[in-house]
Amino acid sequence: MEIAQRSSFSLRDVPALLVCIVVCELAGIIPSFLTANDVATWYTTLQKPAFTPPSWVFGPVWTTLYLLMGIALYLVWRRGDNRFALAVFAVQLVLNAGWTLVFFGMRWPAGGLAVILALLAAIVATMVAFARIDRRATLLLVPYLCWVAFATLLNYELWRLN
């Protein structure tokens, strides 16, 4: 049973929305900062599959996905009885950051593959938990799920080729 949606949005909601967005964006920024040297050196030496996007694509895509995640987080956070959903979201966010640290920081594609498979499962679990609270939040996570599914295939191929 879906909880009745709070439809009004006011200026007093903006700080909480911004906090949710910043938390999600930081989950991408911090690991990226910590592994920037590995991306610039080690990753460039890897043999890549033909479907690998150009490097410039990753920044805008992830920035947009973290924005959507932050909005989804806000929609669920602002509702009552949401602790389980927020905990599942936190798990997937940690796995998201962890993938960057394992794949790039440890230079370990096989470990990255294990993490990203767990991340895929955690995203699905988050979407299920969010759907019980606010379906809009679930829909906001669909592009994230699709991109991570693509990234899983890319990770697998990078492991296989190298």
C-alpha atoms as a PDB file:
ATOM      1  CA  MET A   1       0.000   0.000   0.000  1.00  0.00           C
ATOM      2  CA  GLU A   2       1.474   3.303  -1.048  1.00  0.00           C
ATOM      3  CA  ILE A   3       1.631   6.055   1.552  1.00  0.00           C
ATOM      4  CA  ALA A   4      -0.244   9.210   0.558  1.00  0.00           C
ATOM      5  CA  GLN A   5       2.147  11.560  -1.206  1.00  0.00           C
ATOM      6  CA  ARG A   6       2.905  14.966   0.206  1.00  0.00           C
ATOM      7  CA  SER A   7       2.561  17.053  -2.915  1.00  0.00           C
ATOM      8  CA  SER A   8       3.439  20.531  -1.684  1.00  0.00           C
ATOM      9  CA  PHE A   9       6.966  21.837  -1.986  1.00  0.00           C
ATOM     10  CA  SER A  10       8.059  25.081  -0.419  1.00  0.00           C
ATOM     11  CA  LEU A  11      11.228  27.088   0.077  1.00  0.00           C
ATOM     12  CA  ARG A  12      11.732  25.488   3.469  1.00  0.00           C
ATOM     13  CA  ASP A  13      12.167  22.142   1.649  1.00  0.00           C
ATOM     14  CA  VAL A  14      15.135  23.429  -0.374  1.00  0.00           C
ATOM     15  CA  PRO A  15      17.863  22.909   2.296  1.00  0.00           C
ATOM     16  CA  ALA A  16      16.901  19.260   2.812  1.00  0.00           C
ATOM     17  CA  LEU A  17      16.733  18.676  -0.937  1.00  0.00           C
ATOM     18  CA  LEU A  18      20.164  20.250  -1.386  1.00  0.00           C
ATOM     19  CA  VAL A  19      21.643  18.143   1.421  1.00  0.00           C
ATOM     20  CA  CYS A  20      20.331  14.975  -0.229  1.00  0.00           C
ATOM     21  CA  ILE A  21      21.786  15.990  -3.588  1.00  0.00           C
ATOM     22  CA  VAL A  22      25.147  16.990  -2.086  1.00  0.00           C
ATOM     23  CA  VAL A  23      25.422  13.691  -0.166  1.00  0.00           C
ATOM     24  CA  CYS A  24      24.895  11.758  -3.393  1.00  0.00           C
ATOM     25  CA  GLU A  25      27.234  13.936  -5.439  1.00  0.00           C
ATOM     26  CA  LEU A  26      29.953  13.555  -2.779  1.00  0.00           C
ATOM     27  CA  ALA A  27      29.635   9.765  -3.062  1.00  0.00           C
ATOM     28  CA  GLY A  28      30.930  10.216  -6.587  1.00  0.00           C
ATOM     29  CA  ILE A  29      33.290  13.147  -6.124  1.00  0.00           C
ATOM     30  CA  ILE A  30      35.331  11.816  -3.189  1.00  0.00           C
ATOM     31  CA  PRO A  31      36.228   8.410  -4.695  1.00  0.00           C
ATOM     32  CA  SER A  32      36.873  10.061  -8.072  1.00  0.00           C
ATOM     33  CA  PHE A  33      39.249  12.529  -6.452  1.00  0.00           C
ATOM     34  CA  LEU A  34      41.034   9.713  -4.610  1.00  0.00           C
ATOM     35  CA  THR A  35      41.491   7.657  -7.783  1.00  0.00           C
ATOM     36  CA  ALA A  36      42.081  10.420 -10.352  1.00  0.00           C
ATOM     37  CA  ASN A  37      45.721   9.417 -10.829  1.00  0.00           C
ATOM     38  CA  ASP A  38      44.748   5.781 -11.410  1.00  0.00           C
ATOM     39  CA  VAL A  39      42.158   6.807 -13.992  1.00  0.00           C
ATOM     40  CA  ALA A  40      44.698   9.028 -15.776  1.00  0.00           C
ATOM     41  CA  THR A  41      47.482   6.439 -15.767  1.00  0.00           C
ATOM     42  CA  TRP A  42      46.429   2.800 -15.254  1.00  0.00           C
ATOM     43  CA  TYR A  43      42.968   2.934 -16.862  1.00  0.00           C
ATOM     44  CA  THR A  44      44.324   4.480 -20.061  1.00  0.00           C
ATOM     45  CA  THR A  45      46.601   1.445 -20.542  1.00  0.00           C
ATOM     46  CA  LEU A  46      43.755  -1.090 -20.447  1.00  0.00           C
ATOM     47  CA  GLN A  47      42.487  -2.797 -23.555  1.00  0.00           C
ATOM     48  CA  LYS A  48      38.853  -1.655 -23.909  1.00  0.00           C
ATOM     49  CA  PRO A  49      35.851  -3.103 -25.725  1.00  0.00           C
ATOM     50  CA  ALA A  50      34.563  -1.276 -28.794  1.00  0.00           C
ATOM     51  CA  PHE A  51      31.451  -0.073 -26.923  1.00  0.00           C
ATOM     52  CA  THR A  52      33.456   1.864 -24.309  1.00  0.00           C
ATOM     53  CA  PRO A  53      32.119   5.429 -24.201  1.00  0.00           C
ATOM     54  CA  PRO A  54      34.563   8.314 -24.643  1.00  0.00           C
ATOM     55  CA  SER A  55      36.050   9.472 -21.342  1.00  0.00           C
ATOM     56  CA  TRP A  56      34.217  12.812 -21.436  1.00  0.00           C
ATOM     57  CA  VAL A  57      30.836  11.017 -21.185  1.00  0.00           C
ATOM     58  CA  PHE A  58      31.349   9.657 -17.667  1.00  0.00           C
ATOM     59  CA  GLY A  59      31.448  12.984 -15.798  1.00  0.00           C
ATOM     60  CA  PRO A  60      28.152  14.413 -17.092  1.00  0.00           C
ATOM     61  CA  VAL A  61      26.383  11.045 -16.874  1.00  0.00           C
ATOM     62  CA  TRP A  62      27.406  10.404 -13.264  1.00  0.00           C
ATOM     63  CA  THR A  63      26.715  13.988 -12.216  1.00  0.00           C
ATOM     64  CA  THR A  64      23.190  13.659 -13.609  1.00  0.00           C
ATOM     65  CA  LEU A  65      22.656  10.246 -12.028  1.00  0.00           C
ATOM     66  CA  TYR A  66      23.790  11.490  -8.612  1.00  0.00           C
ATOM     67  CA  LEU A  67      21.406  14.448  -8.976  1.00  0.00           C
ATOM     68  CA  LEU A  68      18.504  12.085  -9.714  1.00  0.00           C
ATOM     69  CA  MET A  69      19.545   9.871  -6.797  1.00  0.00           C
ATOM     70  CA  GLY A  70      19.577  12.905  -4.511  1.00  0.00           C
ATOM     71  CA  ILE A  71      16.083  13.922  -5.567  1.00  0.00           C
ATOM     72  CA  ALA A  72      14.864  10.341  -5.059  1.00  0.00           C
ATOM     73  CA  LEU A  73      16.500  10.261  -1.640  1.00  0.00           C
ATOM     74  CA  TYR A  74      14.785  13.515  -0.718  1.00  0.00           C
ATOM     75  CA  LEU A  75      11.366  12.244  -1.811  1.00  0.00           C
ATOM     76  CA  VAL A  76      11.736   9.220   0.457  1.00  0.00           C
ATOM     77  CA  TRP A  77      13.426  11.050   3.327  1.00  0.00           C
ATOM     78  CA  ARG A  78      10.645  13.637   3.601  1.00  0.00           C
ATOM     79  CA  ARG A  79       8.108  10.877   4.249  1.00  0.00           C
ATOM     80  CA  GLY A  80       7.556   9.067   7.513  1.00  0.00           C
ATOM     81  CA  ASP A  81       8.394   5.424   8.233  1.00  0.00           C
ATOM     82  CA  ASN A  82      11.328   5.316   5.843  1.00  0.00           C
ATOM     83  CA  ARG A  83      14.261   3.949   7.884  1.00  0.00           C
ATOM     84  CA  PHE A  84      14.543   0.652   6.028  1.00  0.00           C
ATOM     85  CA  ALA A  85      14.426   2.352   2.625  1.00  0.00           C
ATOM     86  CA  LEU A  86      17.049   4.881   3.696  1.00  0.00           C
ATOM     87  CA  ALA A  87      19.290   2.093   5.025  1.00  0.00           C
ATOM     88  CA  VAL A  88      19.055   0.189   1.738  1.00  0.00           C
ATOM     89  CA  PHE A  89      19.818   3.410  -0.132  1.00  0.00           C
ATOM     90  CA  ALA A  90      22.879   3.955   2.088  1.00  0.00           C
ATOM     91  CA  VAL A  91      24.132   0.449   1.314  1.00  0.00           C
ATOM     92  CA  GLN A  92      23.911   1.014  -2.427  1.00  0.00           C
ATOM     93  CA  LEU A  93      25.594   4.406  -2.093  1.00  0.00           C
ATOM     94  CA  VAL A  94      28.511   2.828  -0.194  1.00  0.00           C
ATOM     95  CA  LEU A  95      28.784   0.088  -2.820  1.00  0.00           C
ATOM     96  CA  ASN A  96      28.721   2.772  -5.521  1.00  0.00           C
ATOM     97  CA  ALA A  97      31.650   4.606  -3.939  1.00  0.00           C
ATOM     98  CA  GLY A  98      33.353   1.314  -3.149  1.00  0.00           C
ATOM     99  CA  TRP A  99      33.343   0.231  -6.778  1.00  0.00           C
ATOM    100  CA  THR A 100      35.465   3.218  -7.781  1.00  0.00           C
ATOM    101  CA  LEU A 101      37.928   2.531  -4.991  1.00  0.00           C
ATOM    102  CA  VAL A 102      38.193  -1.175  -5.842  1.00  0.00           C
ATOM    103  CA  PHE A 103      38.236  -0.937  -9.638  1.00  0.00           C
ATOM    104  CA  PHE A 104      40.417   2.146 -10.029  1.00  0.00           C
ATOM    105  CA  GLY A 105      42.092   2.583  -6.631  1.00  0.00           C
ATOM    106  CA  MET A 106      43.075  -1.063  -6.247  1.00  0.00           C
ATOM    107  CA  ARG A 107      43.354  -1.518 -10.019  1.00  0.00           C
ATOM    108  CA  TRP A 108      41.326  -4.699  -9.652  1.00  0.00           C
ATOM    109  CA  PRO A 109      38.705  -5.302 -12.373  1.00  0.00           C
ATOM    110  CA  ALA A 110      37.666  -8.700 -10.914  1.00  0.00           C
ATOM    111  CA  GLY A 111      37.050  -7.128  -7.510  1.00  0.00           C
ATOM    112  CA  GLY A 112      35.209  -4.285  -9.202  1.00  0.00           C
ATOM    113  CA  LEU A 113      33.004  -6.819 -10.950  1.00  0.00           C
ATOM    114  CA  ALA A 114      32.077  -8.407  -7.620  1.00  0.00           C
ATOM    115  CA  VAL A 115      31.261  -4.997  -6.140  1.00  0.00           C
ATOM    116  CA  ILE A 116      29.221  -3.835  -9.127  1.00  0.00           C
ATOM    117  CA  LEU A 117      27.156  -7.040  -9.117  1.00  0.00           C
ATOM    118  CA  ALA A 118      26.351  -6.388  -5.455  1.00  0.00           C
ATOM    119  CA  LEU A 119      25.599  -2.770  -6.389  1.00  0.00           C
ATOM    120  CA  LEU A 120      23.105  -3.872  -9.049  1.00  0.00           C
ATOM    121  CA  ALA A 121      21.285  -6.007  -6.488  1.00  0.00           C
ATOM    122  CA  ALA A 122      21.330  -3.138  -3.979  1.00  0.00           C
ATOM    123  CA  ILE A 123      19.904  -0.706  -6.548  1.00  0.00           C
ATOM    124  CA  VAL A 124      17.034  -3.090  -7.268  1.00  0.00           C
ATOM    125  CA  ALA A 125      16.435  -3.505  -3.516  1.00  0.00           C
ATOM    126  CA  THR A 126      16.463   0.289  -3.124  1.00  0.00           C
ATOM    127  CA  MET A 127      13.943   0.680  -5.927  1.00  0.00           C
ATOM    128  CA  VAL A 128      11.643  -1.891  -4.330  1.00  0.00           C
ATOM    129  CA  ALA A 129      11.925  -0.189  -0.937  1.00  0.00           C
ATOM    130  CA  PHE A 130      11.389   3.254  -2.468  1.00  0.00           C
ATOM    131  CA  ALA A 131       8.344   2.073  -4.465  1.00  0.00           C
ATOM    132  CA  ARG A 132       6.538   1.368  -1.213  1.00  0.00           C
ATOM    133  CA  ILE A 133       7.011   4.993  -0.181  1.00  0.00           C
ATOM    134  CA  ASP A 134       7.060   7.111  -3.347  1.00  0.00           C
ATOM    135  CA  ARG A 135       6.945   5.683  -6.856  1.00  0.00           C
ATOM    136  CA  ARG A 136       8.462   8.847  -8.271  1.00  0.00           C
ATOM    137  CA  ALA A 137      11.632   8.075  -6.337  1.00  0.00           C
ATOM    138  CA  THR A 138      11.766   4.638  -7.930  1.00  0.00           C
ATOM    139  CA  LEU A 139      11.346   6.088 -11.410  1.00  0.00           C
ATOM    140  CA  LEU A 140      14.176   8.541 -10.769  1.00  0.00           C
ATOM    141  CA  LEU A 141      16.467   5.557 -10.165  1.00  0.00           C
ATOM    142  CA  VAL A 142      15.689   3.804 -13.479  1.00  0.00           C
ATOM    143  CA  PRO A 143      18.443   5.629 -15.435  1.00  0.00           C
ATOM    144  CA  TYR A 144      20.905   4.763 -12.639  1.00  0.00           C
ATOM    145  CA  LEU A 145      19.964   1.085 -12.826  1.00  0.00           C
ATOM    146  CA  CYS A 146      20.343   1.111 -16.622  1.00  0.00           C
ATOM    147  CA  TRP A 147      23.733   2.837 -16.501  1.00  0.00           C
ATOM    148  CA  VAL A 148      25.070   0.515 -13.806  1.00  0.00           C
ATOM    149  CA  ALA A 149      23.859  -2.493 -15.813  1.00  0.00           C
ATOM    150  CA  PHE A 150      25.827  -1.104 -18.775  1.00  0.00           C
ATOM    151  CA  ALA A 151      28.819  -0.411 -16.500  1.00  0.00           C
ATOM    152  CA  THR A 152      28.644  -4.014 -15.289  1.00  0.00           C
ATOM    153  CA  LEU A 153      28.982  -5.267 -18.852  1.00  0.00           C
ATOM    154  CA  LEU A 154      31.837  -2.819 -19.434  1.00  0.00           C
ATOM    155  CA  ASN A 155      33.548  -3.933 -16.194  1.00  0.00           C
ATOM    156  CA  TYR A 156      33.180  -7.581 -17.216  1.00  0.00           C
ATOM    157  CA  GLU A 157      34.743  -6.910 -20.616  1.00  0.00           C
ATOM    158  CA  LEU A 158      37.586  -4.918 -19.091  1.00  0.00           C
ATOM    159  CA  TRP A 159      38.303  -7.823 -16.747  1.00  0.00           C
ATOM    160  CA  ARG A 160      38.082 -10.345 -19.588  1.00  0.00           C
ATOM    161  CA  LEU A 161      40.315  -8.367 -21.949  1.00  0.00           C
ATOM    162  CA  ASN A 162      42.967  -7.526 -19.380  1.00  0.00           C
END
